[in-house]
Each structure stands twice: as structure tokens, then as C-alpha cells.
């Protein structure tokens, strides 16, 4: 019996259509046996891991990650153009998604890397990103309105209120956070799923890059490793933002060069009171299983 028949693979059970996510764009996507899908709840280290995968695939050579690794479900760019670009690629493909697992077409043929990060750090990164949004150009507005969609309202400049709105309204103005994390956590046992955590990438990036290489079955010559590691640092990616940052970041104030903000954790500690911080922790405890909550907060996975 084949591995595909033995394994209970995730099945898509719903569609999502927002200005950020059109899950139908994955329907009918033709996977290849070595495809890599990098999944996150946005601002959890997506672009960082895209750069890591690109560096492993191209053995330390610079590559236009923003062009090569599209956000497939993002409605801003024409679907046919995105799919055509992916179909034309002859190297190993790597695609990003911010979809929850129950809204994603999942393929046993692909490898999936899911990246976790404390929700407070995600939120602080999102706030800085959202503040930089410019009004979409007319052609983008036309795409949105043809689907009955309206762009998100401007970010509240008060990050504390932005934080409370995000918690109180279950991920507003984006998508529910805790359900996203729990869904991907629940499939961590699958042979083609790897969990990474932002804390671990910050603590020992070289070790985590080697974990990714092992997972993807990529073996590099020793002389390539110093270059790969250097090219995955925050400073290097920021210097090459025009190539590394997502294409959609061109709509930020300052363009793609402003996409990389700080890349740090814990900025919320200087803003939130102890009670406000505990509000997040209490919600995490309510909405996540204990092992998932522990991993999300620390990167630690309990071993059975």
C-alpha cells in the first residue's frame, strides 16, 4: 500500500475570500514532487524562511525571492500570471501561503514548513507593516471590487488599541490567529511537515538552516555554508530588500526597502501592562492545546 493511502492527509473543507486571501487560487494547482510550501500566519518569519529555502536551493547564489516565491492566494496579482510563472520555473519551486490548513489544498507530494512566533511579536510586526500601507492603486482597487472586496481600513496608530482589537475581534483586521496555529500544529506528525519557530531562528540560525536542509534533502558543499548563512541574516536581507521582499511590499510607504522593519521580539514588553499581556496568554490557554501553547510561546516541543 502506498504512503499516500496509509496516511490521513489534511482535506480542504472551506474557502476564504478577503483582500489578502483567495483560497480558490490553490484549487487545481499542479504540484511537483519536490515543491516546497512555506506557511505562516503572516509576520512570523515568512520572508526569512523563503530566503533560507532559496539559499539552499541555489547553493548561496543570490536569487530574486520576491519574484520566484509568490504568495499564491494573494488576489492583488492576476492568478493566470502567477500560475504561469510557477509553471515556467525549472528549479525547485518554493511558494508561500498564509492560509489555515483547512482552507489549503494539501499535497502529499510537497514539503511544508510552518513557522510559529509569539502572537504579541506577530502583532507588533503587523502593526508596523500595516502603518506603512498606501492606498491601493486604481488597477488593484478594480481587482478587489470586481470580487466584492474592499481594502482594510488604515491601521490604528495606537498600537495598544490595535492589540486589543486584534484579540477581541479574533485576528481583526486579518485572520484568526490561534486557530491558524493550532491547525498546523495538529498535522506536525506528517512526514512532509516541518515546524520552525522564530525564537529558534534567532537563537541559532545556522542550526535551523541545517534542519531545513535535512528536511528538504538538500546537501551543500562545505564551502557554501558560510555564504548561505550570511545571506540569511537580517542585515543582508534588508540591504537586498528590492530582491528579497515580497512584490506586494512595493505598495508600502518607502517601497520594498521599508519591508524589513526590526526583526526583533519583545517590543510589546515596553508597552503592555502585565494585565494586558496576560490577556493574550489567557486566550492562548483557552484556544490552544497545552503543548501547542507552550511551543508557540517558547519554541519548545514536548517529547513523548
Protein backbone atom coordinates (compact mmCIF):
# COMPACT_ATOMS: atom_id res chain seq x y z
CA UNK A 1 0.00 0.00 0.00
CA UNK A 2 1.39 3.46 -0.88
CA UNK A 3 2.26 6.04 1.73
CA UNK A 4 -0.48 8.32 0.35
CA UNK A 5 -3.12 5.65 1.06
CA UNK A 6 -1.82 4.87 4.53
CA UNK A 7 -1.74 8.46 5.73
CA UNK A 8 -4.77 10.54 6.65
CA UNK A 9 -3.81 13.67 4.76
CA UNK A 10 -5.50 17.02 5.51
CA UNK A 11 -8.51 17.86 3.37
CA UNK A 12 -9.68 21.29 2.39
CA UNK A 13 -13.09 21.97 3.96
CA UNK A 14 -13.74 25.64 3.24
CA UNK A 15 -12.85 28.64 1.09
CA UNK A 16 -11.67 32.07 2.22
CA UNK A 17 -12.03 35.25 0.19
CA UNK A 18 -10.66 38.50 1.60
CA UNK A 19 -8.45 41.26 0.22
CA UNK A 20 -5.49 39.21 1.43
CA UNK A 21 -6.58 35.63 0.82
CA UNK A 22 -8.33 33.87 -2.04
CA UNK A 23 -8.06 30.20 -1.21
CA UNK A 24 -9.66 29.17 -4.52
CA UNK A 25 -6.42 30.06 -6.30
CA UNK A 26 -4.90 26.81 -4.97
CA UNK A 27 -7.71 24.71 -6.44
CA UNK A 28 -6.34 22.71 -9.33
CA UNK A 29 -2.75 23.82 -8.72
CA UNK A 30 -0.46 21.19 -10.26
CA UNK A 31 2.10 20.15 -7.66
CA UNK A 32 5.51 18.72 -8.40
CA UNK A 33 7.15 16.05 -6.26
CA UNK A 34 9.76 18.44 -4.83
CA UNK A 35 7.64 21.56 -4.27
CA UNK A 36 8.20 23.44 -1.00
CA UNK A 37 5.36 25.37 0.66
CA UNK A 38 6.30 27.89 3.35
CA UNK A 39 3.31 28.53 5.59
CA UNK A 40 2.80 31.12 8.32
CA UNK A 41 0.25 33.39 9.87
CA UNK A 42 1.98 36.43 8.31
CA UNK A 43 4.81 38.36 10.03
CA UNK A 44 6.04 35.19 11.73
CA UNK A 45 9.19 34.90 9.65
CA UNK A 46 7.81 34.07 6.21
CA UNK A 47 10.29 36.03 4.13
CA UNK A 48 13.17 34.89 6.31
CA UNK A 49 12.36 31.24 5.67
CA UNK A 50 11.76 31.92 1.97
CA UNK A 51 15.29 33.33 1.84
CA UNK A 52 16.65 30.30 3.70
CA UNK A 53 14.99 27.90 1.27
CA UNK A 54 16.18 29.94 -1.71
CA UNK A 55 19.74 29.94 -0.45
CA UNK A 56 19.65 26.17 -0.02
CA UNK A 57 18.14 25.60 -3.45
CA UNK A 58 20.61 27.94 -5.18
CA UNK A 59 23.62 27.00 -3.03
CA UNK A 60 24.29 30.51 -1.76
CA UNK A 61 23.70 32.38 -5.01
CA UNK A 62 21.50 35.45 -4.83
CA UNK A 63 18.02 34.93 -6.20
CA UNK A 64 15.02 37.27 -6.62
CA UNK A 65 12.99 35.62 -3.89
CA UNK A 66 10.12 38.10 -4.16
CA UNK A 67 9.58 37.08 -7.77
CA UNK A 68 10.39 33.38 -7.56
CA UNK A 69 8.35 32.58 -4.45
CA UNK A 70 4.86 34.07 -4.87
CA UNK A 71 2.08 34.37 -2.34
CA UNK A 72 -0.26 32.26 -4.41
CA UNK A 73 -3.57 33.15 -2.75
CA UNK A 74 -2.97 36.94 -2.75
CA UNK A 75 -5.67 38.47 -5.01
CA UNK A 76 -3.59 41.55 -5.90
CA UNK A 77 -1.72 39.80 -8.73
CA UNK A 78 -3.55 38.08 -11.64
CA UNK A 79 -3.91 34.38 -10.97
CA UNK A 80 -3.02 33.29 -14.50
CA UNK A 81 0.21 35.30 -14.42
CA UNK A 82 1.25 33.83 -11.07
CA UNK A 83 0.45 30.26 -12.09
CA UNK A 84 2.13 30.75 -15.45
CA UNK A 85 5.29 32.00 -13.78
CA UNK A 86 5.36 28.99 -11.46
CA UNK A 87 4.73 26.56 -14.31
CA UNK A 88 7.68 28.02 -16.21
CA UNK A 89 10.14 27.56 -13.34
CA UNK A 90 12.66 24.78 -13.90
CA UNK A 91 14.35 24.93 -10.48
CA UNK A 92 12.83 23.52 -7.31
CA UNK A 93 9.80 25.69 -6.56
CA UNK A 94 9.04 27.30 -3.20
CA UNK A 95 5.72 29.02 -2.60
CA UNK A 96 4.37 30.89 0.39
CA UNK A 97 0.92 30.73 1.93
CA UNK A 98 -0.83 32.38 4.86
CA UNK A 99 -3.85 30.07 4.67
CA UNK A 100 -5.04 27.98 7.60
CA UNK A 101 -4.68 24.30 6.92
CA UNK A 102 -8.42 23.69 6.50
CA UNK A 103 -8.59 26.19 3.61
CA UNK A 104 -5.48 24.95 1.79
CA UNK A 105 -5.17 22.26 -0.86
CA UNK A 106 -2.63 19.93 0.74
CA UNK A 107 -0.44 17.68 -1.37
CA UNK A 108 1.44 14.58 -0.15
CA UNK A 109 3.92 15.36 -2.95
CA UNK A 110 5.09 18.68 -1.44
CA UNK A 111 7.14 19.57 1.63
CA UNK A 112 5.57 22.04 4.09
CA UNK A 113 7.46 24.30 6.50
CA UNK A 114 5.32 26.06 9.11
CA UNK A 115 6.80 28.93 11.11
CA UNK A 116 5.50 29.92 14.55
CA UNK A 117 6.02 33.10 16.58
CA UNK A 118 4.52 34.52 19.76
CA UNK A 119 1.34 36.33 18.77
CA UNK A 120 2.38 39.53 20.50
CA UNK A 121 5.50 39.70 18.37
CA UNK A 122 3.43 38.92 15.28
CA UNK A 123 1.04 41.72 16.17
CA UNK A 124 3.78 44.29 16.76
CA UNK A 125 5.36 43.41 13.42
CA UNK A 126 1.97 43.56 11.69
CA UNK A 127 1.26 46.97 13.17
CA UNK A 128 4.46 48.48 11.79
CA UNK A 129 3.73 46.85 8.44
CA UNK A 130 0.08 47.98 8.37
CA UNK A 131 1.00 51.57 9.22
CA UNK A 132 3.04 51.64 6.02
CA UNK A 133 0.19 50.60 3.72
CA UNK A 134 -0.58 53.06 0.96
CA UNK A 135 -3.98 53.30 -0.69
CA UNK A 136 -4.07 50.64 -3.44
CA UNK A 137 -3.62 51.96 -6.98
CA UNK A 138 -6.75 52.12 -9.19
CA UNK A 139 -5.99 48.87 -11.03
CA UNK A 140 -5.75 47.00 -7.73
CA UNK A 141 -8.96 48.58 -6.45
CA UNK A 142 -10.64 47.38 -9.63
CA UNK A 143 -9.48 43.81 -8.95
CA UNK A 144 -10.76 43.96 -5.37
CA UNK A 145 -14.12 45.49 -6.23
CA UNK A 146 -14.70 43.03 -9.06
CA UNK A 147 -14.75 40.41 -6.29
CA UNK A 148 -16.91 42.45 -3.95
CA UNK A 149 -13.96 43.28 -1.66
CA UNK A 150 -12.84 46.50 -0.02
CA UNK A 151 -9.29 47.16 1.27
CA UNK A 152 -8.69 47.03 5.01
CA UNK A 153 -9.10 50.27 6.94
CA UNK A 154 -5.93 52.15 7.87
CA UNK A 155 -4.07 50.91 10.92
CA UNK A 156 -4.94 52.47 14.24
CA UNK A 157 -1.74 54.36 15.16
CA UNK A 158 -2.26 53.39 18.81
CA UNK A 159 -0.54 50.00 18.95
CA UNK A 160 -2.11 49.18 22.32
CA UNK A 161 -5.64 49.60 20.93
CA UNK A 162 -4.59 47.75 17.77
CA UNK A 163 -3.52 44.86 20.00
CA UNK A 164 -6.81 44.77 21.89
CA UNK A 165 -8.84 44.92 18.67
CA UNK A 166 -6.81 42.02 17.28
CA UNK A 167 -7.51 39.90 20.35
CA UNK A 168 -11.12 40.95 20.90
CA UNK A 169 -12.12 40.52 17.24
CA UNK A 170 -10.24 37.26 16.62
CA UNK A 171 -7.43 38.47 14.41
CA UNK A 172 -9.00 41.68 13.07
CA UNK A 173 -8.26 43.12 10.57
CA UNK A 174 -6.60 39.98 9.25
CA UNK A 175 -7.43 36.36 10.07
CA UNK A 176 -7.97 34.35 13.28
CA UNK A 177 -4.56 33.66 14.80
CA UNK A 178 -4.90 30.87 17.33
CA UNK A 179 -6.94 28.58 15.06
CA UNK A 180 -4.32 29.05 12.35
CA UNK A 181 -1.50 27.93 14.65
CA UNK A 182 -3.44 25.05 16.16
CA UNK A 183 -4.44 23.70 12.76
CA UNK A 184 -0.86 23.48 11.55
CA UNK A 185 0.33 22.17 14.92
CA UNK A 186 -2.17 19.32 14.66
CA UNK A 187 -0.52 17.99 11.48
CA UNK A 188 3.08 18.26 12.72
CA UNK A 189 3.35 14.46 12.76
CA UNK A 190 3.05 14.17 8.99
CA UNK A 191 6.25 13.11 7.21
CA UNK A 192 6.21 16.14 4.90
CA UNK A 193 5.66 18.82 7.58
CA UNK A 194 8.40 20.65 9.49
CA UNK A 195 7.77 23.14 12.29
CA UNK A 196 10.16 26.06 12.79
CA UNK A 197 9.97 28.73 15.46
CA UNK A 198 11.11 32.33 15.22
CA UNK A 199 12.82 32.07 18.62
CA UNK A 200 14.97 29.18 17.40
CA UNK A 201 15.89 31.01 14.21
CA UNK A 202 17.00 33.99 16.31
CA UNK A 203 18.91 31.83 18.80
CA UNK A 204 20.80 29.58 16.36
CA UNK A 205 20.02 30.32 12.75
CA UNK A 206 22.75 28.08 11.37
CA UNK A 207 21.36 25.08 13.24
CA UNK A 208 17.84 25.76 11.97
CA UNK A 209 19.04 26.19 8.39
CA UNK A 210 20.66 22.76 8.61
CA UNK A 211 17.37 21.33 9.90
CA UNK A 212 15.63 22.78 6.86
CA UNK A 213 18.31 21.38 4.55
CA UNK A 214 17.94 17.92 6.07
CA UNK A 215 14.15 18.09 5.79
CA UNK A 216 14.34 19.10 2.13
CA UNK A 217 17.04 16.55 1.34
CA UNK A 218 19.49 19.25 0.24
CA UNK A 219 23.20 18.63 0.69
CA UNK A 220 25.61 21.53 0.18
CA UNK A 221 29.36 21.51 -0.10
CA UNK A 222 31.13 22.82 2.99
CA UNK A 223 32.38 25.95 1.23
CA UNK A 224 28.81 27.07 0.51
CA UNK A 225 27.65 27.20 4.12
CA UNK A 226 29.28 30.49 5.23
CA UNK A 227 27.70 32.29 2.27
CA UNK A 228 24.29 30.73 2.84
CA UNK A 229 24.31 31.75 6.49
CA UNK A 230 25.49 35.30 5.75
CA UNK A 231 22.80 35.73 3.09
CA UNK A 232 20.09 34.76 5.59
CA UNK A 233 20.95 37.42 8.15
CA UNK A 234 18.52 40.28 8.72
CA UNK A 235 21.06 42.91 7.70
CA UNK A 236 21.85 41.17 4.42
CA UNK A 237 18.18 40.73 3.52
CA UNK A 238 17.43 44.34 4.37
CA UNK A 239 20.26 45.53 2.12
CA UNK A 240 18.78 43.44 -0.70
CA UNK A 241 15.14 44.24 0.02
CA UNK A 242 14.36 45.09 -3.60
CA UNK A 243 15.10 41.47 -4.46
CA UNK A 244 14.09 39.63 -1.29
CA UNK A 245 10.95 41.45 -0.09
CA UNK A 246 7.55 40.39 -1.47
CA UNK A 247 6.37 42.13 -4.63
CA UNK A 248 3.31 43.42 -2.78
CA UNK A 249 5.61 45.39 -0.47
CA UNK A 250 6.04 47.88 -3.31
CA UNK A 251 2.76 49.34 -2.04
CA UNK A 252 4.33 50.34 1.28
CA UNK A 253 5.46 53.86 2.05
CA UNK A 254 9.12 53.70 1.13
CA UNK A 255 8.58 50.70 -1.16
CA UNK A 256 10.13 47.29 -0.73
CA UNK A 257 13.15 48.72 1.11
CA UNK A 258 10.85 49.55 4.05
CA UNK A 259 9.52 45.98 4.36
CA UNK A 260 12.23 44.89 6.79
CA UNK A 261 11.49 46.83 9.97
CA UNK A 262 13.33 45.48 13.03
CA UNK A 263 13.11 41.69 13.08
CA UNK A 264 13.18 41.67 16.88
CA UNK A 265 10.99 40.13 19.56
CA UNK A 266 9.63 41.56 22.79
CA UNK A 267 8.85 45.15 21.74
CA UNK A 268 5.44 44.74 23.35
CA UNK A 269 7.06 44.40 26.79
CA UNK A 270 7.68 48.15 26.94
CA UNK A 271 4.08 48.98 26.03
CA UNK A 272 1.68 46.46 27.54
CA UNK A 273 0.83 46.27 31.19
CA UNK A 274 1.13 42.91 32.94
CA UNK A 275 -2.66 42.53 32.75
CA UNK A 276 -2.73 43.35 29.04
CA UNK A 277 -0.01 40.83 28.32
CA UNK A 278 -1.80 38.20 30.41
CA UNK A 279 -4.91 38.77 28.32
CA UNK A 280 -3.05 37.26 25.37
CA UNK A 281 -1.68 34.39 27.48
CA UNK A 282 -5.15 33.58 28.82
CA UNK A 283 -6.59 33.48 25.30
CA UNK A 284 -3.76 31.24 24.15
CA UNK A 285 -4.51 28.87 27.02
CA UNK A 286 -8.20 28.82 26.08
CA UNK A 287 -7.81 28.40 22.34
CA UNK A 288 -4.72 26.18 22.06
CA UNK A 289 -3.87 22.76 23.40
CA UNK A 290 -1.26 22.99 26.19
CA UNK A 291 1.55 21.54 24.07
CA UNK A 292 0.76 23.92 21.20
CA UNK A 293 0.58 26.93 23.55
CA UNK A 294 3.95 26.01 25.01
CA UNK A 295 5.53 25.67 21.58
CA UNK A 296 4.08 28.96 20.37
CA UNK A 297 5.39 30.81 23.42
CA UNK A 298 8.84 29.24 23.58
CA UNK A 299 9.57 27.05 20.58
CA UNK A 300 9.79 24.01 22.85
CA UNK A 301 8.18 20.76 21.76
CA UNK A 302 7.48 18.26 24.49
CA UNK A 303 8.90 14.84 23.64
CA UNK A 304 6.67 11.86 24.39
